[in-house]
Amino acid sequence: MAEEQQGPYYDEVEIEDMTFDKTLQIYHYPCPCGDRFQIALADLQDEETENIAVCPSCSLMILVICDPEDLPKPDPDPEPAPEPAEQQVPIAA
Protein backbone atom coordinates (compact mmCIF):
# COMPACT_ATOMS: atom_id res chain seq x y z
CA MET A 1 0.00 0.00 0.00
CA ALA A 2 1.52 3.33 -1.08
CA GLU A 3 1.81 6.18 1.42
CA GLU A 4 -0.22 9.26 0.66
CA GLN A 5 1.99 12.24 -0.11
CA GLN A 6 0.99 15.29 1.92
CA GLY A 7 2.68 17.96 -0.18
CA PRO A 8 4.39 21.13 1.01
CA TYR A 9 1.78 21.85 3.68
CA TYR A 10 2.42 22.03 7.39
CA ASP A 11 -1.02 20.54 8.04
CA GLU A 12 -4.55 20.09 6.68
CA VAL A 13 -7.20 21.97 8.65
CA GLU A 14 -11.00 21.75 8.47
CA ILE A 15 -12.68 25.12 7.94
CA GLU A 16 -14.76 24.49 11.09
CA ASP A 17 -11.55 24.66 13.13
CA MET A 18 -10.69 28.12 11.80
CA THR A 19 -11.99 31.49 13.00
CA PHE A 20 -13.84 33.79 10.59
CA ASP A 21 -13.34 37.55 10.78
CA LYS A 22 -16.53 38.95 9.27
CA THR A 23 -15.16 42.49 9.03
CA LEU A 24 -12.02 41.52 7.10
CA GLN A 25 -13.71 38.56 5.35
CA ILE A 26 -10.80 36.21 6.23
CA TYR A 27 -10.40 32.92 8.01
CA HIS A 28 -7.44 32.48 10.35
CA TYR A 29 -5.84 29.69 12.34
CA PRO A 30 -2.97 29.75 14.88
CA CYS A 31 0.52 29.10 13.47
CA PRO A 32 3.26 27.45 15.58
CA CYS A 33 5.42 30.57 15.10
CA GLY A 34 2.90 32.62 17.12
CA ASP A 35 1.22 34.41 14.21
CA ARG A 36 -1.84 33.15 12.29
CA PHE A 37 -2.42 31.44 8.97
CA GLN A 38 -4.81 33.52 6.84
CA ILE A 39 -6.98 32.96 3.80
CA ALA A 40 -9.58 35.29 2.33
CA LEU A 41 -13.16 34.16 1.88
CA ALA A 42 -12.94 35.18 -1.80
CA ASP A 43 -9.97 32.81 -2.26
CA LEU A 44 -11.96 29.94 -0.75
CA GLN A 45 -14.89 30.69 -3.06
CA ASP A 46 -12.63 30.66 -6.14
CA GLU A 47 -12.94 27.10 -7.44
CA GLU A 48 -9.86 27.45 -9.65
CA THR A 49 -7.36 27.93 -6.82
CA GLU A 50 -6.18 25.55 -4.14
CA ASN A 51 -7.30 26.46 -0.62
CA ILE A 52 -3.94 27.34 0.91
CA ALA A 53 -3.71 29.56 3.98
CA VAL A 54 -0.32 31.16 4.54
CA CYS A 55 1.35 32.60 7.60
CA PRO A 56 2.62 36.15 7.00
CA SER A 57 5.49 35.67 9.49
CA CYS A 58 7.01 32.36 8.41
CA SER A 59 7.08 30.01 5.45
CA LEU A 60 4.45 27.56 6.70
CA MET A 61 1.24 26.89 4.77
CA ILE A 62 -1.84 24.83 5.54
CA LEU A 63 -4.37 23.24 3.22
CA VAL A 64 -7.90 24.29 4.16
CA ILE A 65 -10.52 21.58 3.78
CA CYS A 66 -14.00 22.94 3.09
CA ASP A 67 -17.12 22.54 1.02
CA PRO A 68 -17.74 25.74 -0.98
CA GLU A 69 -21.47 25.36 -0.37
CA ASP A 70 -20.88 25.69 3.39
CA LEU A 71 -19.03 29.02 3.14
CA PRO A 72 -20.75 32.27 4.09
CA LYS A 73 -22.41 33.96 1.17
CA PRO A 74 -20.88 37.28 0.17
CA ASP A 75 -22.83 40.28 1.34
CA PRO A 76 -24.86 41.71 -1.53
CA ASP A 77 -23.90 45.21 -2.55
CA PRO A 78 -25.68 47.53 -0.19
CA GLU A 79 -28.41 49.49 -1.88
CA PRO A 80 -27.97 53.23 -1.67
CA ALA A 81 -30.02 54.77 1.08
CA PRO A 82 -32.99 56.73 -0.16
CA GLU A 83 -32.45 60.44 -0.07
CA PRO A 84 -34.25 61.99 2.86
CA ALA A 85 -37.26 64.08 1.94
CA GLU A 86 -36.67 67.73 2.59
CA GLN A 87 -38.42 68.80 5.72
CA GLN A 88 -39.26 72.34 6.58
CA VAL A 89 -38.27 73.12 10.11
CA PRO A 90 -40.32 75.83 11.77
CA ILE A 91 -38.20 78.73 12.86
CA ALA A 92 -38.85 79.88 16.42
CA ALA A 93 -39.88 83.53 16.61
PDB file of N, CA and C in Angstrom:
ATOM      1  N   MET A   1       0.844  -1.170   0.000  1.00  0.00           N
ATOM      2  CA  MET A   1       0.000   0.000   0.000  1.00  0.00           C
ATOM      3  C   MET A   1       0.898   1.244   0.000  1.00  0.00           C
ATOM      4  N   ALA A   2       0.678   2.144  -0.947  1.00  0.00           N
ATOM      5  CA  ALA A   2       1.517   3.331  -1.078  1.00  0.00           C
ATOM      6  C   ALA A   2       1.099   4.379  -0.057  1.00  0.00           C
ATOM      7  N   GLU A   3       2.102   5.107   0.479  1.00  0.00           N
ATOM      8  CA  GLU A   3       1.812   6.185   1.419  1.00  0.00           C
ATOM      9  C   GLU A   3       1.283   7.386   0.657  1.00  0.00           C
ATOM     10  N   GLU A   4       0.336   8.064   1.266  1.00  0.00           N
ATOM     11  CA  GLU A   4      -0.224   9.262   0.661  1.00  0.00           C
ATOM     12  C   GLU A   4       0.742  10.421   0.871  1.00  0.00           C
ATOM     13  N   GLN A   5       1.071  11.119  -0.207  1.00  0.00           N
ATOM     14  CA  GLN A   5       1.992  12.238  -0.107  1.00  0.00           C
ATOM     15  C   GLN A   5       1.219  13.483   0.322  1.00  0.00           C
ATOM     16  N   GLN A   6       1.695  14.141   1.370  1.00  0.00           N
ATOM     17  CA  GLN A   6       0.985  15.289   1.915  1.00  0.00           C
ATOM     18  C   GLN A   6       1.247  16.567   1.132  1.00  0.00           C
ATOM     19  N   GLY A   7       2.378  16.727   0.529  1.00  0.00           N
ATOM     20  CA  GLY A   7       2.679  17.961  -0.181  1.00  0.00           C
ATOM     21  C   GLY A   7       3.445  18.919   0.705  1.00  0.00           C
ATOM     22  N   PRO A   8       3.574  20.163   0.271  1.00  0.00           N
ATOM     23  CA  PRO A   8       4.389  21.134   1.007  1.00  0.00           C
ATOM     24  C   PRO A   8       3.655  21.808   2.166  1.00  0.00           C
ATOM     25  N   TYR A   9       2.585  21.210   2.650  1.00  0.00           N
ATOM     26  CA  TYR A   9       1.777  21.846   3.683  1.00  0.00           C
ATOM     27  C   TYR A   9       2.209  21.408   5.072  1.00  0.00           C
ATOM     28  N   TYR A  10       2.137  22.340   5.994  1.00  0.00           N
ATOM     29  CA  TYR A  10       2.423  22.028   7.391  1.00  0.00           C
ATOM     30  C   TYR A  10       1.350  21.083   7.929  1.00  0.00           C
ATOM     31  N   ASP A  11       0.086  21.343   7.540  1.00  0.00           N
ATOM     32  CA  ASP A  11      -1.025  20.539   8.037  1.00  0.00           C
ATOM     33  C   ASP A  11      -2.234  20.742   7.132  1.00  0.00           C
ATOM     34  N   GLU A  12      -3.248  19.910   7.325  1.00  0.00           N
ATOM     35  CA  GLU A  12      -4.547  20.091   6.680  1.00  0.00           C
ATOM     36  C   GLU A  12      -5.538  20.413   7.785  1.00  0.00           C
ATOM     37  N   VAL A  13      -6.307  21.483   7.596  1.00  0.00           N
ATOM     38  CA  VAL A  13      -7.203  21.971   8.646  1.00  0.00           C
ATOM     39  C   VAL A  13      -8.614  22.107   8.087  1.00  0.00           C
ATOM     40  N   GLU A  14      -9.582  21.594   8.835  1.00  0.00           N
ATOM     41  CA  GLU A  14     -10.996  21.746   8.467  1.00  0.00           C
ATOM     42  C   GLU A  14     -11.411  23.201   8.705  1.00  0.00           C
ATOM     43  N   ILE A  15     -12.234  23.724   7.829  1.00  0.00           N
ATOM     44  CA  ILE A  15     -12.682  25.116   7.936  1.00  0.00           C
ATOM     45  C   ILE A  15     -13.395  25.371   9.266  1.00  0.00           C
ATOM     46  N   GLU A  16     -14.051  24.339   9.815  1.00  0.00           N
ATOM     47  CA  GLU A  16     -14.762  24.491  11.085  1.00  0.00           C
ATOM     48  C   GLU A  16     -13.805  24.785  12.237  1.00  0.00           C
ATOM     49  N   ASP A  17     -12.534  24.427  12.087  1.00  0.00           N
ATOM     50  CA  ASP A  17     -11.545  24.665  13.133  1.00  0.00           C
ATOM     51  C   ASP A  17     -10.908  26.047  13.036  1.00  0.00           C
ATOM     52  N   MET A  18     -11.250  26.782  11.992  1.00  0.00           N
ATOM     53  CA  MET A  18     -10.689  28.119  11.797  1.00  0.00           C
ATOM     54  C   MET A  18     -11.670  29.162  12.322  1.00  0.00           C
ATOM     55  N   THR A  19     -11.171  30.376  12.519  1.00  0.00           N
ATOM     56  CA  THR A  19     -11.986  31.493  12.995  1.00  0.00           C
ATOM     57  C   THR A  19     -12.232  32.438  11.834  1.00  0.00           C
ATOM     58  N   PHE A  20     -13.487  32.877  11.679  1.00  0.00           N
ATOM     59  CA  PHE A  20     -13.842  33.789  10.592  1.00  0.00           C
ATOM     60  C   PHE A  20     -13.956  35.204  11.116  1.00  0.00           C
ATOM     61  N   ASP A  21     -13.254  36.124  10.461  1.00  0.00           N
ATOM     62  CA  ASP A  21     -13.340  37.553  10.783  1.00  0.00           C
ATOM     63  C   ASP A  21     -14.288  38.171   9.762  1.00  0.00           C
ATOM     64  N   LYS A  22     -15.517  38.452  10.193  1.00  0.00           N
ATOM     65  CA  LYS A  22     -16.535  38.949   9.266  1.00  0.00           C
ATOM     66  C   LYS A  22     -16.173  40.315   8.692  1.00  0.00           C
ATOM     67  N   THR A  23     -15.532  41.152   9.496  1.00  0.00           N
ATOM     68  CA  THR A  23     -15.158  42.492   9.035  1.00  0.00           C
ATOM     69  C   THR A  23     -14.136  42.436   7.912  1.00  0.00           C
ATOM     70  N   LEU A  24     -13.089  41.621   8.103  1.00  0.00           N
ATOM     71  CA  LEU A  24     -12.023  41.522   7.099  1.00  0.00           C
ATOM     72  C   LEU A  24     -12.303  40.457   6.045  1.00  0.00           C
ATOM     73  N   GLN A  25     -13.341  39.637   6.269  1.00  0.00           N
ATOM     74  CA  GLN A  25     -13.705  38.560   5.353  1.00  0.00           C
ATOM     75  C   GLN A  25     -12.548  37.572   5.153  1.00  0.00           C
ATOM     76  N   ILE A  26     -11.876  37.205   6.281  1.00  0.00           N
ATOM     77  CA  ILE A  26     -10.805  36.215   6.231  1.00  0.00           C
ATOM     78  C   ILE A  26     -11.008  35.155   7.307  1.00  0.00           C
ATOM     79  N   TYR A  27     -10.478  33.976   7.022  1.00  0.00           N
ATOM     80  CA  TYR A  27     -10.397  32.919   8.014  1.00  0.00           C
ATOM     81  C   TYR A  27      -8.969  32.908   8.533  1.00  0.00           C
ATOM     82  N   HIS A  28      -8.791  32.602   9.820  1.00  0.00           N
ATOM     83  CA  HIS A  28      -7.441  32.478  10.350  1.00  0.00           C
ATOM     84  C   HIS A  28      -7.361  31.316  11.317  1.00  0.00           C
ATOM     85  N   TYR A  29      -6.117  30.869  11.528  1.00  0.00           N
ATOM     86  CA  TYR A  29      -5.841  29.694  12.345  1.00  0.00           C
ATOM     87  C   TYR A  29      -4.462  29.875  12.960  1.00  0.00           C
ATOM     88  N   PRO A  30      -4.265  29.524  14.233  1.00  0.00           N
ATOM     89  CA  PRO A  30      -2.966  29.746  14.883  1.00  0.00           C
ATOM     90  C   PRO A  30      -1.819  28.999  14.192  1.00  0.00           C
ATOM     91  N   CYS A  31      -0.692  29.683  14.044  1.00  0.00           N
ATOM     92  CA  CYS A  31       0.524  29.098  13.473  1.00  0.00           C
ATOM     93  C   CYS A  31       1.491  28.804  14.627  1.00  0.00           C
ATOM     94  N   PRO A  32       2.300  27.754  14.509  1.00  0.00           N
ATOM     95  CA  PRO A  32       3.260  27.453  15.577  1.00  0.00           C
ATOM     96  C   PRO A  32       4.244  28.587  15.857  1.00  0.00           C
ATOM     97  N   CYS A  33       4.468  29.484  14.892  1.00  0.00           N
ATOM     98  CA  CYS A  33       5.417  30.574  15.099  1.00  0.00           C
ATOM     99  C   CYS A  33       4.848  31.672  15.998  1.00  0.00           C
ATOM    100  N   GLY A  34       3.531  31.615  16.275  1.00  0.00           N
ATOM    101  CA  GLY A  34       2.904  32.623  17.116  1.00  0.00           C
ATOM    102  C   GLY A  34       1.990  33.556  16.347  1.00  0.00           C
ATOM    103  N   ASP A  35       2.100  33.583  15.037  1.00  0.00           N
ATOM    104  CA  ASP A  35       1.221  34.406  14.209  1.00  0.00           C
ATOM    105  C   ASP A  35       0.008  33.556  13.818  1.00  0.00           C
ATOM    106  N   ARG A  36      -0.667  33.906  12.725  1.00  0.00           N
ATOM    107  CA  ARG A  36      -1.836  33.147  12.289  1.00  0.00           C
ATOM    108  C   ARG A  36      -1.792  32.917  10.782  1.00  0.00           C
ATOM    109  N   PHE A  37      -2.191  31.704  10.381  1.00  0.00           N
ATOM    110  CA  PHE A  37      -2.422  31.437   8.966  1.00  0.00           C
ATOM    111  C   PHE A  37      -3.650  32.240   8.568  1.00  0.00           C
ATOM    112  N   GLN A  38      -3.677  32.731   7.309  1.00  0.00           N
ATOM    113  CA  GLN A  38      -4.812  33.518   6.843  1.00  0.00           C
ATOM    114  C   GLN A  38      -5.181  33.125   5.433  1.00  0.00           C
ATOM    115  N   ILE A  39      -6.493  33.138   5.164  1.00  0.00           N
ATOM    116  CA  ILE A  39      -6.983  32.955   3.803  1.00  0.00           C
ATOM    117  C   ILE A  39      -8.276  33.748   3.663  1.00  0.00           C
ATOM    118  N   ALA A  40      -8.401  34.455   2.562  1.00  0.00           N
ATOM    119  CA  ALA A  40      -9.578  35.287   2.325  1.00  0.00           C
ATOM    120  C   ALA A  40     -10.755  34.431   1.887  1.00  0.00           C
ATOM    121  N   LEU A  41     -11.945  34.849   2.278  1.00  0.00           N
ATOM    122  CA  LEU A  41     -13.164  34.156   1.876  1.00  0.00           C
ATOM    123  C   LEU A  41     -13.251  34.084   0.355  1.00  0.00           C
ATOM    124  N   ALA A  42     -12.889  35.158  -0.332  1.00  0.00           N
ATOM    125  CA  ALA A  42     -12.936  35.177  -1.795  1.00  0.00           C
ATOM    126  C   ALA A  42     -12.034  34.101  -2.392  1.00  0.00           C
ATOM    127  N   ASP A  43     -10.873  33.849  -1.771  1.00  0.00           N
ATOM    128  CA  ASP A  43      -9.971  32.806  -2.256  1.00  0.00           C
ATOM    129  C   ASP A  43     -10.590  31.425  -2.078  1.00  0.00           C
ATOM    130  N   LEU A  44     -11.296  31.221  -0.981  1.00  0.00           N
ATOM    131  CA  LEU A  44     -11.956  29.938  -0.748  1.00  0.00           C
ATOM    132  C   LEU A  44     -13.106  29.722  -1.722  1.00  0.00           C
ATOM    133  N   GLN A  45     -13.757  30.797  -2.140  1.00  0.00           N
ATOM    134  CA  GLN A  45     -14.886  30.693  -3.058  1.00  0.00           C
ATOM    135  C   GLN A  45     -14.433  30.514  -4.501  1.00  0.00           C
ATOM    136  N   ASP A  46     -13.172  30.813  -4.791  1.00  0.00           N
ATOM    137  CA  ASP A  46     -12.628  30.659  -6.140  1.00  0.00           C
ATOM    138  C   ASP A  46     -12.313  29.182  -6.368  1.00  0.00           C
ATOM    139  N   GLU A  47     -13.085  28.534  -7.219  1.00  0.00           N
ATOM    140  CA  GLU A  47     -12.937  27.103  -7.438  1.00  0.00           C
ATOM    141  C   GLU A  47     -11.684  26.746  -8.233  1.00  0.00           C
ATOM    142  N   GLU A  48     -11.029  27.728  -8.829  1.00  0.00           N
ATOM    143  CA  GLU A  48      -9.857  27.454  -9.655  1.00  0.00           C
ATOM    144  C   GLU A  48      -8.551  27.474  -8.864  1.00  0.00           C
ATOM    145  N   THR A  49      -8.589  27.877  -7.613  1.00  0.00           N
ATOM    146  CA  THR A  49      -7.364  27.928  -6.815  1.00  0.00           C
ATOM    147  C   THR A  49      -7.427  26.913  -5.690  1.00  0.00           C
ATOM    148  N   GLU A  50      -6.264  26.473  -5.257  1.00  0.00           N
ATOM    149  CA  GLU A  50      -6.180  25.547  -4.143  1.00  0.00           C
ATOM    150  C   GLU A  50      -6.342  26.337  -2.847  1.00  0.00           C
ATOM    151  N   ASN A  51      -7.003  25.771  -1.870  1.00  0.00           N
ATOM    152  CA  ASN A  51      -7.299  26.465  -0.620  1.00  0.00           C
ATOM    153  C   ASN A  51      -6.105  26.407   0.322  1.00  0.00           C
ATOM    154  N   ILE A  52      -5.158  27.305   0.108  1.00  0.00           N
ATOM    155  CA  ILE A  52      -3.939  27.337   0.909  1.00  0.00           C
ATOM    156  C   ILE A  52      -3.918  28.610   1.747  1.00  0.00           C
ATOM    157  N   ALA A  53      -3.850  28.423   3.063  1.00  0.00           N
ATOM    158  CA  ALA A  53      -3.711  29.559   3.976  1.00  0.00           C
ATOM    159  C   ALA A  53      -2.228  29.698   4.301  1.00  0.00           C
ATOM    160  N   VAL A  54      -1.739  30.917   4.282  1.00  0.00           N
ATOM    161  CA  VAL A  54      -0.325  31.160   4.537  1.00  0.00           C
ATOM    162  C   VAL A  54      -0.150  31.977   5.811  1.00  0.00           C
ATOM    163  N   CYS A  55       0.988  31.807   6.434  1.00  0.00           N
ATOM    164  CA  CYS A  55       1.350  32.603   7.598  1.00  0.00           C
ATOM    165  C   CYS A  55       2.200  33.765   7.105  1.00  0.00           C
ATOM    166  N   PRO A  56       1.846  35.005   7.462  1.00  0.00           N
ATOM    167  CA  PRO A  56       2.620  36.154   7.000  1.00  0.00           C
ATOM    168  C   PRO A  56       3.990  36.284   7.668  1.00  0.00           C
ATOM    169  N   SER A  57       4.242  35.527   8.758  1.00  0.00           N
ATOM    170  CA  SER A  57       5.494  35.670   9.492  1.00  0.00           C
ATOM    171  C   SER A  57       6.517  34.570   9.223  1.00  0.00           C
ATOM    172  N   CYS A  58       6.068  33.454   8.678  1.00  0.00           N
ATOM    173  CA  CYS A  58       7.012  32.365   8.411  1.00  0.00           C
ATOM    174  C   CYS A  58       6.648  31.698   7.090  1.00  0.00           C
ATOM    175  N   SER A  59       7.298  30.634   6.749  1.00  0.00           N
ATOM    176  CA  SER A  59       7.077  30.008   5.445  1.00  0.00           C
ATOM    177  C   SER A  59       6.053  28.883   5.479  1.00  0.00           C
ATOM    178  N   LEU A  60       5.403  28.662   6.615  1.00  0.00           N
ATOM    179  CA  LEU A  60       4.454  27.560   6.704  1.00  0.00           C
ATOM    180  C   LEU A  60       3.147  27.869   5.975  1.00  0.00           C
ATOM    181  N   MET A  61       2.533  26.804   5.451  1.00  0.00           N
ATOM    182  CA  MET A  61       1.242  26.890   4.771  1.00  0.00           C
ATOM    183  C   MET A  61       0.388  25.722   5.244  1.00  0.00           C
ATOM    184  N   ILE A  62      -0.930  25.926   5.250  1.00  0.00           N
ATOM    185  CA  ILE A  62      -1.842  24.826   5.541  1.00  0.00           C
ATOM    186  C   ILE A  62      -2.844  24.699   4.404  1.00  0.00           C
ATOM    187  N   LEU A  63      -3.320  23.492   4.204  1.00  0.00           N
ATOM    188  CA  LEU A  63      -4.369  23.239   3.224  1.00  0.00           C
ATOM    189  C   LEU A  63      -5.691  23.287   3.970  1.00  0.00           C
ATOM    190  N   VAL A  64      -6.606  24.131   3.505  1.00  0.00           N
ATOM    191  CA  VAL A  64      -7.902  24.292   4.158  1.00  0.00           C
ATOM    192  C   VAL A  64      -8.905  23.369   3.476  1.00  0.00           C
ATOM    193  N   ILE A  65      -9.532  22.517   4.284  1.00  0.00           N
ATOM    194  CA  ILE A  65     -10.516  21.579   3.778  1.00  0.00           C
ATOM    195  C   ILE A  65     -11.902  22.163   4.015  1.00  0.00           C
ATOM    196  N   CYS A  66     -12.655  22.391   2.930  1.00  0.00           N
ATOM    197  CA  CYS A  66     -14.002  22.942   3.088  1.00  0.00           C
ATOM    198  C   CYS A  66     -14.853  22.604   1.876  1.00  0.00           C
ATOM    199  N   ASP A  67     -16.145  22.696   2.084  1.00  0.00           N
ATOM    200  CA  ASP A  67     -17.119  22.537   1.016  1.00  0.00           C
ATOM    201  C   ASP A  67     -17.574  23.942   0.647  1.00  0.00           C
ATOM    202  N   PRO A  68     -17.363  24.364  -0.600  1.00  0.00           N
ATOM    203  CA  PRO A  68     -17.735  25.740  -0.983  1.00  0.00           C
ATOM    204  C   PRO A  68     -19.189  26.086  -0.676  1.00  0.00           C
ATOM    205  N   GLU A  69     -20.060  25.099  -0.663  1.00  0.00           N
ATOM    206  CA  GLU A  69     -21.473  25.364  -0.375  1.00  0.00           C
ATOM    207  C   GLU A  69     -21.690  25.752   1.087  1.00  0.00           C
ATOM    208  N   ASP A  70     -20.749  25.386   1.967  1.00  0.00           N
ATOM    209  CA  ASP A  70     -20.885  25.691   3.390  1.00  0.00           C
ATOM    210  C   ASP A  70     -20.293  27.044   3.775  1.00  0.00           C
ATOM    211  N   LEU A  71     -19.649  27.724   2.840  1.00  0.00           N
ATOM    212  CA  LEU A  71     -19.030  29.021   3.138  1.00  0.00           C
ATOM    213  C   LEU A  71     -20.088  30.104   3.252  1.00  0.00           C
ATOM    214  N   PRO A  72     -19.795  31.144   4.024  1.00  0.00           N
ATOM    215  CA  PRO A  72     -20.749  32.271   4.094  1.00  0.00           C
ATOM    216  C   PRO A  72     -20.927  32.882   2.716  1.00  0.00           C
ATOM    217  N   LYS A  73     -22.128  33.300   2.452  1.00  0.00           N
ATOM    218  CA  LYS A  73     -22.411  33.957   1.173  1.00  0.00           C
ATOM    219  C   LYS A  73     -21.908  35.392   1.254  1.00  0.00           C
ATOM    220  N   PRO A  74     -21.344  35.888   0.143  1.00  0.00           N
ATOM    221  CA  PRO A  74     -20.875  37.277   0.171  1.00  0.00           C
ATOM    222  C   PRO A  74     -22.055  38.220   0.382  1.00  0.00           C
ATOM    223  N   ASP A  75     -21.781  39.291   1.117  1.00  0.00           N
ATOM    224  CA  ASP A  75     -22.828  40.277   1.340  1.00  0.00           C
ATOM    225  C   ASP A  75     -23.189  40.925   0.011  1.00  0.00           C
ATOM    226  N   PRO A  76     -24.488  41.027  -0.286  1.00  0.00           N
ATOM    227  CA  PRO A  76     -24.856  41.712  -1.526  1.00  0.00           C
ATOM    228  C   PRO A  76     -24.464  43.173  -1.418  1.00  0.00           C
ATOM    229  N   ASP A  77     -24.241  43.789  -2.561  1.00  0.00           N
ATOM    230  CA  ASP A  77     -23.895  45.211  -2.552  1.00  0.00           C
ATOM    231  C   ASP A  77     -25.006  45.971  -1.855  1.00  0.00           C
ATOM    232  N   PRO A  78     -24.632  46.782  -0.889  1.00  0.00           N
ATOM    233  CA  PRO A  78     -25.683  47.532  -0.192  1.00  0.00           C
ATOM    234  C   PRO A  78     -26.356  48.507  -1.143  1.00  0.00           C
ATOM    235  N   GLU A  79     -27.674  48.556  -1.036  1.00  0.00           N
ATOM    236  CA  GLU A  79     -28.413  49.485  -1.881  1.00  0.00           C
ATOM    237  C   GLU A  79     -28.227  50.885  -1.318  1.00  0.00           C
ATOM    238  N   PRO A  80     -28.132  51.867  -2.195  1.00  0.00           N
ATOM    239  CA  PRO A  80     -27.972  53.233  -1.674  1.00  0.00           C
ATOM    240  C   PRO A  80     -29.199  53.622  -0.853  1.00  0.00           C
ATOM    241  N   ALA A  81     -28.926  54.320   0.214  1.00  0.00           N
ATOM    242  CA  ALA A  81     -30.016  54.771   1.083  1.00  0.00           C
ATOM    243  C   ALA A  81     -30.853  55.796   0.343  1.00  0.00           C
ATOM    244  N   PRO A  82     -32.152  55.724   0.513  1.00  0.00           N
ATOM    245  CA  PRO A  82     -32.987  56.729  -0.161  1.00  0.00           C
ATOM    246  C   PRO A  82     -32.673  58.112   0.385  1.00  0.00           C
ATOM    247  N   GLU A  83     -32.743  59.075  -0.507  1.00  0.00           N
ATOM    248  CA  GLU A  83     -32.445  60.436  -0.070  1.00  0.00           C
ATOM    249  C   GLU A  83     -33.579  60.921   0.831  1.00  0.00           C
ATOM    250  N   PRO A  84     -33.200  61.530   1.944  1.00  0.00           N
ATOM    251  CA  PRO A  84     -34.252  61.992   2.857  1.00  0.00           C
ATOM    252  C   PRO A  84     -35.073  63.098   2.209  1.00  0.00           C
ATOM    253  N   ALA A  85     -36.380  63.037   2.466  1.00  0.00           N
ATOM    254  CA  ALA A  85     -37.258  64.084   1.941  1.00  0.00           C
ATOM    255  C   ALA A  85     -36.938  65.378   2.684  1.00  0.00           C
ATOM    256  N   GLU A  86     -36.962  66.453   1.946  1.00  0.00           N
ATOM    257  CA  GLU A  86     -36.669  67.733   2.588  1.00  0.00           C
ATOM    258  C   GLU A  86     -37.808  68.080   3.535  1.00  0.00           C
ATOM    259  N   GLN A  87     -37.430  68.418   4.717  1.00  0.00           N
ATOM    260  CA  GLN A  87     -38.418  68.804   5.718  1.00  0.00           C
ATOM    261  C   GLN A  87     -38.230  70.282   6.048  1.00  0.00           C
ATOM    262  N   GLN A  88     -39.333  70.944   6.188  1.00  0.00           N
ATOM    263  CA  GLN A  88     -39.257  72.338   6.580  1.00  0.00           C
ATOM    264  C   GLN A  88     -39.335  72.396   8.097  1.00  0.00           C
ATOM    265  N   VAL A  89     -38.340  73.006   8.675  1.00  0.00           N
ATOM    266  CA  VAL A  89     -38.271  73.123  10.109  1.00  0.00           C
ATOM    267  C   VAL A  89     -38.818  74.489  10.489  1.00  0.00           C
ATOM    268  N   PRO A  90     -39.797  74.517  11.375  1.00  0.00           N
ATOM    269  CA  PRO A  90     -40.320  75.832  11.771  1.00  0.00           C
ATOM    270  C   PRO A  90     -39.260  76.621  12.535  1.00  0.00           C
ATOM    271  N   ILE A  91     -39.183  77.874  12.215  1.00  0.00           N
ATOM    272  CA  ILE A  91     -38.203  78.734  12.865  1.00  0.00           C
ATOM    273  C   ILE A  91     -38.887  79.405  14.061  1.00  0.00           C
ATOM    274  N   ALA A  92     -38.276  79.282  15.216  1.00  0.00           N
ATOM    275  CA  ALA A  92     -38.845  79.878  16.422  1.00  0.00           C
ATOM    276  C   ALA A  92     -38.770  81.391  16.335  1.00  0.00           C
ATOM    277  N   ALA A  93     -39.854  82.071  16.711  1.00  0.00           N
ATOM    278  CA  ALA A  93     -39.877  83.529  16.614  1.00  0.00           C
ATOM    279  C   ALA A  93     -39.409  84.178  17.882  1.00  0.00           C
TER     280      ALA A  93
END
